[in-house]
Amino acid sequence: MLSEKIVLSPEEIYEKEFKVDARGYRPQEVDNFLDLIIKDYSEFIKLIRGYERELQSMSDENSKLKQQIRKLQTELEAQESSSSSSNINNVDLLRRISQLEKIVYSKMSNN
């Protein structure tokens, strides 16, 4: 993806040699090379801004998901605690009913 849009590598920039005229480097050759560098840097800036937006979006989504997880864990813990207490209550009720049945049946059999 990056190699399609970016023309120069750091090595190519470093190793670039310009031909020297009697008055120095050829201005048109230098200008063309600098145009490529400017194009690359512009592309880098676009890519970086895009990645920053994507990172921010993913960070926001990550925060929302973490909040949902915390909320669901709290709800689950609340359900588990109420469920276990209702199970205890059901067991207690069954024991009481059983004891009452014993009392009632023992009284009936005594009569």
PDB file of N, CA and C in Angstrom:
ATOM      1  N   MET A   1       0.825  -1.181   0.000  1.00  0.00           N
ATOM      2  CA  MET A   1       0.000   0.000   0.000  1.00  0.00           C
ATOM      3  C   MET A   1       0.872   1.248   0.000  1.00  0.00           C
ATOM      4  N   LEU A   2       1.805   1.330   0.924  1.00  0.00           N
ATOM      5  CA  LEU A   2       2.647   2.513   0.975  1.00  0.00           C
ATOM      6  C   LEU A   2       3.550   2.619  -0.240  1.00  0.00           C
ATOM      7  N   SER A   3       4.073   1.499  -0.708  1.00  0.00           N
ATOM      8  CA  SER A   3       5.007   1.542  -1.828  1.00  0.00           C
ATOM      9  C   SER A   3       4.347   2.019  -3.117  1.00  0.00           C
ATOM     10  N   GLU A   4       3.032   1.875  -3.224  1.00  0.00           N
ATOM     11  CA  GLU A   4       2.322   2.335  -4.417  1.00  0.00           C
ATOM     12  C   GLU A   4       2.259   3.862  -4.478  1.00  0.00           C
ATOM     13  N   LYS A   5       2.163   4.496  -3.331  1.00  0.00           N
ATOM     14  CA  LYS A   5       1.966   5.936  -3.294  1.00  0.00           C
ATOM     15  C   LYS A   5       3.259   6.712  -3.067  1.00  0.00           C
ATOM     16  N   ILE A   6       4.230   6.098  -2.445  1.00  0.00           N
ATOM     17  CA  ILE A   6       5.464   6.795  -2.098  1.00  0.00           C
ATOM     18  C   ILE A   6       6.554   6.400  -3.083  1.00  0.00           C
ATOM     19  N   VAL A   7       7.098   7.403  -3.735  1.00  0.00           N
ATOM     20  CA  VAL A   7       8.046   7.168  -4.819  1.00  0.00           C
ATOM     21  C   VAL A   7       9.463   6.923  -4.307  1.00  0.00           C
ATOM     22  N   LEU A   8       9.876   7.662  -3.296  1.00  0.00           N
ATOM     23  CA  LEU A   8      11.271   7.615  -2.844  1.00  0.00           C
ATOM     24  C   LEU A   8      11.416   6.896  -1.512  1.00  0.00           C
ATOM     25  N   SER A   9      12.535   6.188  -1.384  1.00  0.00           N
ATOM     26  CA  SER A   9      12.896   5.608  -0.098  1.00  0.00           C
ATOM     27  C   SER A   9      13.950   6.519   0.534  1.00  0.00           C
ATOM     28  N   PRO A  10      14.140   6.414   1.837  1.00  0.00           N
ATOM     29  CA  PRO A  10      15.178   7.246   2.459  1.00  0.00           C
ATOM     30  C   PRO A  10      16.561   7.015   1.835  1.00  0.00           C
ATOM     31  N   GLU A  11      16.835   5.781   1.444  1.00  0.00           N
ATOM     32  CA  GLU A  11      18.122   5.478   0.818  1.00  0.00           C
ATOM     33  C   GLU A  11      18.274   6.206  -0.516  1.00  0.00           C
ATOM     34  N   GLU A  12      17.197   6.244  -1.292  1.00  0.00           N
ATOM     35  CA  GLU A  12      17.249   6.931  -2.593  1.00  0.00           C
ATOM     36  C   GLU A  12      17.489   8.430  -2.412  1.00  0.00           C
ATOM     37  N   ILE A  13      16.865   9.004  -1.405  1.00  0.00           N
ATOM     38  CA  ILE A  13      17.087  10.431  -1.146  1.00  0.00           C
ATOM     39  C   ILE A  13      18.545  10.655  -0.749  1.00  0.00           C
ATOM     40  N   TYR A  14      19.030   9.794   0.129  1.00  0.00           N
ATOM     41  CA  TYR A  14      20.403   9.934   0.622  1.00  0.00           C
ATOM     42  C   TYR A  14      21.429   9.741  -0.491  1.00  0.00           C
ATOM     43  N   GLU A  15      21.173   8.789  -1.341  1.00  0.00           N
ATOM     44  CA  GLU A  15      22.159   8.445  -2.375  1.00  0.00           C
ATOM     45  C   GLU A  15      22.014   9.253  -3.662  1.00  0.00           C
ATOM     46  N   LYS A  16      21.024  10.108  -3.748  1.00  0.00           N
ATOM     47  CA  LYS A  16      20.810  10.887  -4.969  1.00  0.00           C
ATOM     48  C   LYS A  16      22.004  11.813  -5.230  1.00  0.00           C
ATOM     49  N   GLU A  17      22.532  11.730  -6.449  1.00  0.00           N
ATOM     50  CA  GLU A  17      23.634  12.599  -6.859  1.00  0.00           C
ATOM     51  C   GLU A  17      23.186  13.416  -8.057  1.00  0.00           C
ATOM     52  N   PHE A  18      23.470  14.685  -8.002  1.00  0.00           N
ATOM     53  CA  PHE A  18      23.109  15.579  -9.091  1.00  0.00           C
ATOM     54  C   PHE A  18      24.340  15.840  -9.955  1.00  0.00           C
ATOM     55  N   LYS A  19      24.103  15.982 -11.237  1.00  0.00           N
ATOM     56  CA  LYS A  19      25.197  16.309 -12.153  1.00  0.00           C
ATOM     57  C   LYS A  19      25.543  17.783 -11.990  1.00  0.00           C
ATOM     58  N   VAL A  20      26.815  18.081 -12.057  1.00  0.00           N
ATOM     59  CA  VAL A  20      27.275  19.441 -11.842  1.00  0.00           C
ATOM     60  C   VAL A  20      27.526  20.111 -13.191  1.00  0.00           C
ATOM     61  N   ASP A  21      26.940  21.272 -13.363  1.00  0.00           N
ATOM     62  CA  ASP A  21      27.202  22.108 -14.537  1.00  0.00           C
ATOM     63  C   ASP A  21      28.383  23.022 -14.207  1.00  0.00           C
ATOM     64  N   ALA A  22      28.700  23.865 -15.169  1.00  0.00           N
ATOM     65  CA  ALA A  22      29.754  24.837 -14.940  1.00  0.00           C
ATOM     66  C   ALA A  22      29.353  25.786 -13.818  1.00  0.00           C
ATOM     67  N   ARG A  23      28.041  26.026 -13.671  1.00  0.00           N
ATOM     68  CA  ARG A  23      27.562  26.939 -12.631  1.00  0.00           C
ATOM     69  C   ARG A  23      27.062  26.176 -11.398  1.00  0.00           C
ATOM     70  N   GLY A  24      27.192  24.874 -11.337  1.00  0.00           N
ATOM     71  CA  GLY A  24      26.716  24.101 -10.191  1.00  0.00           C
ATOM     72  C   GLY A  24      25.726  23.031 -10.644  1.00  0.00           C
ATOM     73  N   TYR A  25      24.839  22.652  -9.752  1.00  0.00           N
ATOM     74  CA  TYR A  25      23.828  21.640 -10.073  1.00  0.00           C
ATOM     75  C   TYR A  25      22.843  22.195 -11.086  1.00  0.00           C
ATOM     76  N   ARG A  26      22.265  21.277 -11.851  1.00  0.00           N
ATOM     77  CA  ARG A  26      21.232  21.682 -12.814  1.00  0.00           C
ATOM     78  C   ARG A  26      19.949  22.003 -12.042  1.00  0.00           C
ATOM     79  N   PRO A  27      19.514  23.233 -12.074  1.00  0.00           N
ATOM     80  CA  PRO A  27      18.344  23.640 -11.283  1.00  0.00           C
ATOM     81  C   PRO A  27      17.087  22.835 -11.597  1.00  0.00           C
ATOM     82  N   GLN A  28      16.874  22.493 -12.840  1.00  0.00           N
ATOM     83  CA  GLN A  28      15.667  21.749 -13.209  1.00  0.00           C
ATOM     84  C   GLN A  28      15.700  20.341 -12.600  1.00  0.00           C
ATOM     85  N   GLU A  29      16.875  19.708 -12.602  1.00  0.00           N
ATOM     86  CA  GLU A  29      17.012  18.369 -12.025  1.00  0.00           C
ATOM     87  C   GLU A  29      16.769  18.412 -10.516  1.00  0.00           C
ATOM     88  N   VAL A  30      17.327  19.396  -9.845  1.00  0.00           N
ATOM     89  CA  VAL A  30      17.126  19.555  -8.402  1.00  0.00           C
ATOM     90  C   VAL A  30      15.652  19.828  -8.106  1.00  0.00           C
ATOM     91  N   ASP A  31      15.043  20.716  -8.901  1.00  0.00           N
ATOM     92  CA  ASP A  31      13.631  21.035  -8.702  1.00  0.00           C
ATOM     93  C   ASP A  31      12.750  19.803  -8.884  1.00  0.00           C
ATOM     94  N   ASN A  32      13.021  19.000  -9.890  1.00  0.00           N
ATOM     95  CA  ASN A  32      12.234  17.773 -10.115  1.00  0.00           C
ATOM     96  C   ASN A  32      12.372  16.814  -8.944  1.00  0.00           C
ATOM     97  N   PHE A  33      13.596  16.675  -8.450  1.00  0.00           N
ATOM     98  CA  PHE A  33      13.825  15.784  -7.313  1.00  0.00           C
ATOM     99  C   PHE A  33      13.112  16.313  -6.065  1.00  0.00           C
ATOM    100  N   LEU A  34      13.204  17.605  -5.842  1.00  0.00           N
ATOM    101  CA  LEU A  34      12.525  18.199  -4.688  1.00  0.00           C
ATOM    102  C   LEU A  34      11.006  18.070  -4.823  1.00  0.00           C
ATOM    103  N   ASP A  35      10.503  18.131  -6.034  1.00  0.00           N
ATOM    104  CA  ASP A  35       9.068  17.929  -6.241  1.00  0.00           C
ATOM    105  C   ASP A  35       8.645  16.527  -5.796  1.00  0.00           C
ATOM    106  N   LEU A  36       9.477  15.521  -6.096  1.00  0.00           N
ATOM    107  CA  LEU A  36       9.188  14.153  -5.649  1.00  0.00           C
ATOM    108  C   LEU A  36       9.203  14.078  -4.126  1.00  0.00           C
ATOM    109  N   ILE A  37      10.182  14.732  -3.518  1.00  0.00           N
ATOM    110  CA  ILE A  37      10.263  14.721  -2.049  1.00  0.00           C
ATOM    111  C   ILE A  37       9.031  15.387  -1.450  1.00  0.00           C
ATOM    112  N   ILE A  38       8.635  16.504  -2.019  1.00  0.00           N
ATOM    113  CA  ILE A  38       7.451  17.209  -1.523  1.00  0.00           C
ATOM    114  C   ILE A  38       6.209  16.332  -1.669  1.00  0.00           C
ATOM    115  N   LYS A  39       6.092  15.642  -2.786  1.00  0.00           N
ATOM    116  CA  LYS A  39       4.964  14.742  -3.011  1.00  0.00           C
ATOM    117  C   LYS A  39       4.945  13.633  -1.951  1.00  0.00           C
ATOM    118  N   ASP A  40       6.126  13.061  -1.686  1.00  0.00           N
ATOM    119  CA  ASP A  40       6.218  12.011  -0.672  1.00  0.00           C
ATOM    120  C   ASP A  40       5.827  12.533   0.707  1.00  0.00           C
ATOM    121  N   TYR A  41       6.364  13.671   1.079  1.00  0.00           N
ATOM    122  CA  TYR A  41       6.042  14.207   2.387  1.00  0.00           C
ATOM    123  C   TYR A  41       4.551  14.538   2.494  1.00  0.00           C
ATOM    124  N   SER A  42       3.965  15.038   1.433  1.00  0.00           N
ATOM    125  CA  SER A  42       2.526  15.291   1.447  1.00  0.00           C
ATOM    126  C   SER A  42       1.754  13.992   1.653  1.00  0.00           C
ATOM    127  N   GLU A  43       2.209  12.939   0.989  1.00  0.00           N
ATOM    128  CA  GLU A  43       1.556  11.634   1.133  1.00  0.00           C
ATOM    129  C   GLU A  43       1.741  11.096   2.553  1.00  0.00           C
ATOM    130  N   PHE A  44       2.933  11.286   3.115  1.00  0.00           N
ATOM    131  CA  PHE A  44       3.171  10.866   4.502  1.00  0.00           C
ATOM    132  C   PHE A  44       2.221  11.578   5.454  1.00  0.00           C
ATOM    133  N   ILE A  45       2.055  12.863   5.248  1.00  0.00           N
ATOM    134  CA  ILE A  45       1.170  13.636   6.120  1.00  0.00           C
ATOM    135  C   ILE A  45      -0.261  13.121   6.008  1.00  0.00           C
ATOM    136  N   LYS A  46      -0.722  12.857   4.791  1.00  0.00           N
ATOM    137  CA  LYS A  46      -2.085  12.323   4.604  1.00  0.00           C
ATOM    138  C   LYS A  46      -2.235  10.976   5.310  1.00  0.00           C
ATOM    139  N   LEU A  47      -1.237  10.113   5.126  1.00  0.00           N
ATOM    140  CA  LEU A  47      -1.296   8.788   5.754  1.00  0.00           C
ATOM    141  C   LEU A  47      -1.311   8.899   7.276  1.00  0.00           C
ATOM    142  N   ILE A  48      -0.444   9.737   7.799  1.00  0.00           N
ATOM    143  CA  ILE A  48      -0.369   9.896   9.254  1.00  0.00           C
ATOM    144  C   ILE A  48      -1.686  10.433   9.803  1.00  0.00           C
ATOM    145  N   ARG A  49      -2.261  11.423   9.152  1.00  0.00           N
ATOM    146  CA  ARG A  49      -3.547  11.971   9.605  1.00  0.00           C
ATOM    147  C   ARG A  49      -4.650  10.921   9.536  1.00  0.00           C
ATOM    148  N   GLY A  50      -4.638  10.138   8.474  1.00  0.00           N
ATOM    149  CA  GLY A  50      -5.624   9.064   8.357  1.00  0.00           C
ATOM    150  C   GLY A  50      -5.464   8.028   9.465  1.00  0.00           C
ATOM    151  N   TYR A  51      -4.219   7.657   9.745  1.00  0.00           N
ATOM    152  CA  TYR A  51      -3.963   6.685  10.817  1.00  0.00           C
ATOM    153  C   TYR A  51      -4.321   7.256  12.178  1.00  0.00           C
ATOM    154  N   GLU A  52      -4.078   8.542  12.359  1.00  0.00           N
ATOM    155  CA  GLU A  52      -4.448   9.166  13.631  1.00  0.00           C
ATOM    156  C   GLU A  52      -5.960   9.162  13.822  1.00  0.00           C
ATOM    157  N   ARG A  53      -6.711   9.470  12.757  1.00  0.00           N
ATOM    158  CA  ARG A  53      -8.181   9.430  12.847  1.00  0.00           C
ATOM    159  C   ARG A  53      -8.654   8.004  13.135  1.00  0.00           C
ATOM    160  N   GLU A  54      -8.054   7.050  12.437  1.00  0.00           N
ATOM    161  CA  GLU A  54      -8.425   5.649  12.642  1.00  0.00           C
ATOM    162  C   GLU A  54      -8.102   5.201  14.065  1.00  0.00           C
ATOM    163  N   LEU A  55      -6.930   5.621  14.566  1.00  0.00           N
ATOM    164  CA  LEU A  55      -6.537   5.281  15.927  1.00  0.00           C
ATOM    165  C   LEU A  55      -7.510   5.885  16.932  1.00  0.00           C
ATOM    166  N   GLN A  56      -7.883   7.141  16.724  1.00  0.00           N
ATOM    167  CA  GLN A  56      -8.823   7.799  17.625  1.00  0.00           C
ATOM    168  C   GLN A  56     -10.168   7.089  17.605  1.00  0.00           C
ATOM    169  N   SER A  57     -10.621   6.731  16.422  1.00  0.00           N
ATOM    170  CA  SER A  57     -11.896   6.030  16.289  1.00  0.00           C
ATOM    171  C   SER A  57     -11.850   4.686  17.010  1.00  0.00           C
ATOM    172  N   MET A  58     -10.769   3.959  16.821  1.00  0.00           N
ATOM    173  CA  MET A  58     -10.640   2.652  17.474  1.00  0.00           C
ATOM    174  C   MET A  58     -10.499   2.795  18.986  1.00  0.00           C
ATOM    175  N   SER A  59      -9.808   3.839  19.430  1.00  0.00           N
ATOM    176  CA  SER A  59      -9.689   4.081  20.874  1.00  0.00           C
ATOM    177  C   SER A  59     -11.048   4.385  21.482  1.00  0.00           C
ATOM    178  N   ASP A  60     -11.839   5.218  20.780  1.00  0.00           N
ATOM    179  CA  ASP A  60     -13.186   5.526  21.261  1.00  0.00           C
ATOM    180  C   ASP A  60     -14.045   4.269  21.334  1.00  0.00           C
ATOM    181  N   GLU A  61     -13.977   3.468  20.274  1.00  0.00           N
ATOM    182  CA  GLU A  61     -14.758   2.227  20.244  1.00  0.00           C
ATOM    183  C   GLU A  61     -14.292   1.277  21.350  1.00  0.00           C
ATOM    184  N   ASN A  62     -12.983   1.215  21.564  1.00  0.00           N
ATOM    185  CA  ASN A  62     -12.427   0.364  22.609  1.00  0.00           C
ATOM    186  C   ASN A  62     -12.939   0.802  23.979  1.00  0.00           C
ATOM    187  N   SER A  63     -12.975   2.113  24.223  1.00  0.00           N
ATOM    188  CA  SER A  63     -13.482   2.625  25.501  1.00  0.00           C
ATOM    189  C   SER A  63     -14.947   2.257  25.693  1.00  0.00           C
ATOM    190  N   LYS A  64     -15.732   2.418  24.635  1.00  0.00           N
ATOM    191  CA  LYS A  64     -17.153   2.071  24.723  1.00  0.00           C
ATOM    192  C   LYS A  64     -17.333   0.583  25.023  1.00  0.00           C
ATOM    193  N   LEU A  65     -16.550  -0.251  24.351  1.00  0.00           N
ATOM    194  CA  LEU A  65     -16.659  -1.695  24.574  1.00  0.00           C
ATOM    195  C   LEU A  65     -16.238  -2.068  25.992  1.00  0.00           C
ATOM    196  N   LYS A  66     -15.213  -1.407  26.501  1.00  0.00           N
ATOM    197  CA  LYS A  66     -14.790  -1.671  27.883  1.00  0.00           C
ATOM    198  C   LYS A  66     -15.891  -1.294  28.862  1.00  0.00           C
ATOM    199  N   GLN A  67     -16.560  -0.156  28.608  1.00  0.00           N
ATOM    200  CA  GLN A  67     -17.668   0.251  29.469  1.00  0.00           C
ATOM    201  C   GLN A  67     -18.799  -0.765  29.407  1.00  0.00           C
ATOM    202  N   GLN A  68     -19.101  -1.260  28.220  1.00  0.00           N
ATOM    203  CA  GLN A  68     -20.154  -2.269  28.081  1.00  0.00           C
ATOM    204  C   GLN A  68     -19.783  -3.541  28.823  1.00  0.00           C
ATOM    205  N   ILE A  69     -18.511  -3.938  28.727  1.00  0.00           N
ATOM    206  CA  ILE A  69     -18.064  -5.146  29.429  1.00  0.00           C
ATOM    207  C   ILE A  69     -18.232  -4.970  30.933  1.00  0.00           C
ATOM    208  N   ARG A  70     -17.797  -3.798  31.453  1.00  0.00           N
ATOM    209  CA  ARG A  70     -17.946  -3.538  32.892  1.00  0.00           C
ATOM    210  C   ARG A  70     -19.417  -3.590  33.308  1.00  0.00           C
ATOM    211  N   LYS A  71     -20.271  -2.971  32.498  1.00  0.00           N
ATOM    212  CA  LYS A  71     -21.703  -2.941  32.805  1.00  0.00           C
ATOM    213  C   LYS A  71     -22.282  -4.358  32.807  1.00  0.00           C
ATOM    214  N   LEU A  72     -21.923  -5.142  31.793  1.00  0.00           N
ATOM    215  CA  LEU A  72     -22.431  -6.510  31.704  1.00  0.00           C
ATOM    216  C   LEU A  72     -21.898  -7.379  32.845  1.00  0.00           C
ATOM    217  N   GLN A  73     -20.640  -7.162  33.217  1.00  0.00           N
ATOM    218  CA  GLN A  73     -20.089  -7.929  34.338  1.00  0.00           C
ATOM    219  C   GLN A  73     -20.826  -7.591  35.631  1.00  0.00           C
ATOM    220  N   THR A  74     -21.109  -6.309  35.823  1.00  0.00           N
ATOM    221  CA  THR A  74     -21.851  -5.888  37.013  1.00  0.00           C
ATOM    222  C   THR A  74     -23.241  -6.506  37.021  1.00  0.00           C
ATOM    223  N   GLU A  75     -23.908  -6.464  35.872  1.00  0.00           N
ATOM    224  CA  GLU A  75     -25.244  -7.062  35.775  1.00  0.00           C
ATOM    225  C   GLU A  75     -25.193  -8.562  36.024  1.00  0.00           C
ATOM    226  N   LEU A  76     -24.191  -9.219  35.470  1.00  0.00           N
ATOM    227  CA  LEU A  76     -24.057 -10.662  35.659  1.00  0.00           C
ATOM    228  C   LEU A  76     -23.812 -10.997  37.126  1.00  0.00           C
ATOM    229  N   GLU A  77     -22.932 -10.237  37.764  1.00  0.00           N
ATOM    230  CA  GLU A  77     -22.669 -10.474  39.186  1.00  0.00           C
ATOM    231  C   GLU A  77     -23.928 -10.259  40.017  1.00  0.00           C
ATOM    232  N   ALA A  78     -24.705  -9.226  39.652  1.00  0.00           N
ATOM    233  CA  ALA A  78     -25.949  -8.962  40.377  1.00  0.00           C
ATOM    234  C   ALA A  78     -26.933 -10.109  40.177  1.00  0.00           C
ATOM    235  N   GLN A  79     -27.032 -10.597  38.951  1.00  0.00           N
ATOM    236  CA  GLN A  79     -27.936 -11.720  38.674  1.00  0.00           C
ATOM    237  C   GLN A  79     -27.477 -12.975  39.396  1.00  0.00           C
ATOM    238  N   GLU A  80     -26.170 -13.212  39.393  1.00  0.00           N
ATOM    239  CA  GLU A  80     -25.656 -14.409  40.066  1.00  0.00           C
ATOM    240  C   GLU A  80     -25.918 -14.341  41.561  1.00  0.00           C
ATOM    241  N   SER A  81     -25.706 -13.172  42.146  1.00  0.00           N
ATOM    242  CA  SER A  81     -25.925 -13.067  43.587  1.00  0.00           C
ATOM    243  C   SER A  81     -27.413 -13.185  43.922  1.00  0.00           C
ATOM    244  N   SER A  82     -28.292 -12.582  43.112  1.00  0.00           N
ATOM    245  CA  SER A  82     -29.723 -12.702  43.375  1.00  0.00           C
ATOM    246  C   SER A  82     -30.197 -14.123  43.096  1.00  0.00           C
ATOM    247  N   SER A  83     -29.623 -14.752  42.090  1.00  0.00           N
ATOM    248  CA  SER A  83     -29.995 -16.121  41.754  1.00  0.00           C
ATOM    249  C   SER A  83     -29.562 -17.077  42.852  1.00  0.00           C
ATOM    250  N   SER A  84     -28.339 -16.870  43.377  1.00  0.00           N
ATOM    251  CA  SER A  84     -27.874 -17.777  44.436  1.00  0.00           C
ATOM    252  C   SER A  84     -28.678 -17.551  45.709  1.00  0.00           C
ATOM    253  N   SER A  85     -29.045 -16.293  45.981  1.00  0.00           N
ATOM    254  CA  SER A  85     -29.853 -16.052  47.180  1.00  0.00           C
ATOM    255  C   SER A  85     -31.258 -16.602  46.999  1.00  0.00           C
ATOM    256  N   SER A  86     -31.806 -16.545  45.793  1.00  0.00           N
ATOM    257  CA  SER A  86     -33.134 -17.119  45.582  1.00  0.00           C
ATOM    258  C   SER A  86     -33.069 -18.636  45.649  1.00  0.00           C
ATOM    259  N   ASN A  87     -31.944 -19.228  45.212  1.00  0.00           N
ATOM    260  CA  ASN A  87     -31.788 -20.677  45.346  1.00  0.00           C
ATOM    261  C   ASN A  87     -31.753 -21.068  46.815  1.00  0.00           C
ATOM    262  N   ILE A  88     -31.056 -20.280  47.598  1.00  0.00           N
ATOM    263  CA  ILE A  88     -31.011 -20.556  49.037  1.00  0.00           C
ATOM    264  C   ILE A  88     -32.405 -20.416  49.620  1.00  0.00           C
ATOM    265  N   ASN A  89     -33.105 -19.396  49.218  1.00  0.00           N
ATOM    266  CA  ASN A  89     -34.469 -19.208  49.712  1.00  0.00           C
ATOM    267  C   ASN A  89     -35.365 -20.369  49.300  1.00  0.00           C
ATOM    268  N   ASN A  90     -35.209 -20.849  48.072  1.00  0.00           N
ATOM    269  CA  ASN A  90     -36.014 -21.995  47.624  1.00  0.00           C
ATOM    270  C   ASN A  90     -35.696 -23.236  48.444  1.00  0.00           C
ATOM    271  N   VAL A  91     -34.433 -23.463  48.713  1.00  0.00           N
ATOM    272  CA  VAL A  91     -34.035 -24.626  49.513  1.00  0.00           C
ATOM    273  C   VAL A  91     -34.620 -24.497  50.911  1.00  0.00           C
ATOM    274  N   ASP A  92     -34.522 -23.305  51.476  1.00  0.00           N
ATOM    275  CA  ASP A  92     -35.103 -23.096  52.809  1.00  0.00           C
ATOM    276  C   ASP A  92     -36.606 -23.339  52.805  1.00  0.00           C
ATOM    277  N   LEU A  93     -37.268 -22.859  51.779  1.00  0.00           N
ATOM    278  CA  LEU A  93     -38.715 -23.060  51.684  1.00  0.00           C
ATOM    279  C   LEU A  93     -39.056 -24.544  51.568  1.00  0.00           C
ATOM    280  N   LEU A  94     -38.294 -25.258  50.753  1.00  0.00           N
ATOM    281  CA  LEU A  94     -38.552 -26.693  50.613  1.00  0.00           C
ATOM    282  C   LEU A  94     -38.335 -27.422  51.945  1.00  0.00           C
ATOM    283  N   ARG A  95     -37.330 -27.047  52.671  1.00  0.00           N
ATOM    284  CA  ARG A  95     -37.091 -27.671  53.989  1.00  0.00           C
ATOM    285  C   ARG A  95     -38.241 -27.382  54.938  1.00  0.00           C
ATOM    286  N   ARG A  96     -38.673 -26.134  54.944  1.00  0.00           N
ATOM    287  CA  ARG A  96     -39.773 -25.765  55.840  1.00  0.00           C
ATOM    288  C   ARG A  96     -41.052 -26.521  55.478  1.00  0.00           C
ATOM    289  N   ILE A  97     -41.309 -26.609  54.163  1.00  0.00           N
ATOM    290  CA  ILE A  97     -42.497 -27.342  53.718  1.00  0.00           C
ATOM    291  C   ILE A  97     -42.384 -28.805  54.139  1.00  0.00           C
ATOM    292  N   SER A  98     -41.211 -29.359  53.965  1.00  0.00           N
ATOM    293  CA  SER A  98     -41.008 -30.756  54.353  1.00  0.00           C
ATOM    294  C   SER A  98     -41.232 -30.935  55.849  1.00  0.00           C
ATOM    295  N   GLN A  99     -40.706 -30.032  56.649  1.00  0.00           N
ATOM    296  CA  GLN A  99     -40.899 -30.122  58.101  1.00  0.00           C
ATOM    297  C   GLN A  99     -42.379 -29.968  58.462  1.00  0.00           C
ATOM    298  N   LEU A 100     -43.058 -29.037  57.804  1.00  0.00           N
ATOM    299  CA  LEU A 100     -44.490 -28.861  58.073  1.00  0.00           C
ATOM    300  C   LEU A 100     -45.284 -30.103  57.677  1.00  0.00           C
ATOM    301  N   GLU A 101     -44.903 -30.693  56.539  1.00  0.00           N
ATOM    302  CA  GLU A 101     -45.600 -31.924  56.132  1.00  0.00           C
ATOM    303  C   GLU A 101     -45.395 -33.020  57.170  1.00  0.00           C
ATOM    304  N   LYS A 102     -44.204 -33.138  57.703  1.00  0.00           N
ATOM    305  CA  LYS A 102     -43.938 -34.156  58.725  1.00  0.00           C
ATOM    306  C   LYS A 102     -44.804 -33.911  59.954  1.00  0.00           C
ATOM    307  N   ILE A 103     -44.875 -32.642  60.322  1.00  0.00           N
ATOM    308  CA  ILE A 103     -45.678 -32.307  61.501  1.00  0.00           C
ATOM    309  C   ILE A 103     -47.158 -32.614  61.239  1.00  0.00           C
ATOM    310  N   VAL A 104     -47.637 -32.190  60.071  1.00  0.00           N
ATOM    311  CA  VAL A 104     -49.046 -32.404  59.738  1.00  0.00           C
ATOM    312  C   VAL A 104     -49.341 -33.894  59.641  1.00  0.00           C
ATOM    313  N   TYR A 105     -48.500 -34.650  58.957  1.00  0.00           N
ATOM    314  CA  TYR A 105     -48.735 -36.079  58.804  1.00  0.00           C
ATOM    315  C   TYR A 105     -48.606 -36.819  60.135  1.00  0.00           C
ATOM    316  N   SER A 106     -47.703 -36.361  60.961  1.00  0.00           N
ATOM    317  CA  SER A 106     -47.571 -37.035  62.268  1.00  0.00           C
ATOM    318  C   SER A 106     -48.802 -36.752  63.118  1.00  0.00           C
ATOM    319  N   LYS A 107     -49.354 -35.553  63.027  1.00  0.00           N
ATOM    320  CA  LYS A 107     -50.560 -35.229  63.780  1.00  0.00           C
ATOM    321  C   LYS A 107     -51.745 -36.001  63.228  1.00  0.00           C
ATOM    322  N   MET A 108     -51.783 -36.164  61.898  1.00  0.00           N
ATOM    323  CA  MET A 108     -52.889 -36.890  61.282  1.00  0.00           C
ATOM    324  C   MET A 108     -52.821 -38.363  61.657  1.00  0.00           C
ATOM    325  N   SER A 109     -51.649 -38.883  61.708  1.00  0.00           N
ATOM    326  CA  SER A 109     -51.541 -40.286  62.032  1.00  0.00           C
ATOM    327  C   SER A 109     -51.802 -40.546  63.531  1.00  0.00           C
ATOM    328  N   ASN A 110     -51.591 -39.558  64.365  1.00  0.00           N
ATOM    329  CA  ASN A 110     -51.881 -39.673  65.795  1.00  0.00           C
ATOM    330  C   ASN A 110     -53.389 -39.574  66.049  1.00  0.00           C
ATOM    331  N   ASN A 111     -54.103 -38.937  65.161  1.00  0.00           N
ATOM    332  CA  ASN A 111     -55.554 -38.786  65.346  1.00  0.00           C
ATOM    333  C   ASN A 111     -56.258 -39.960  64.835  1.00  0.00           C
TER     334      ASN A 111
END
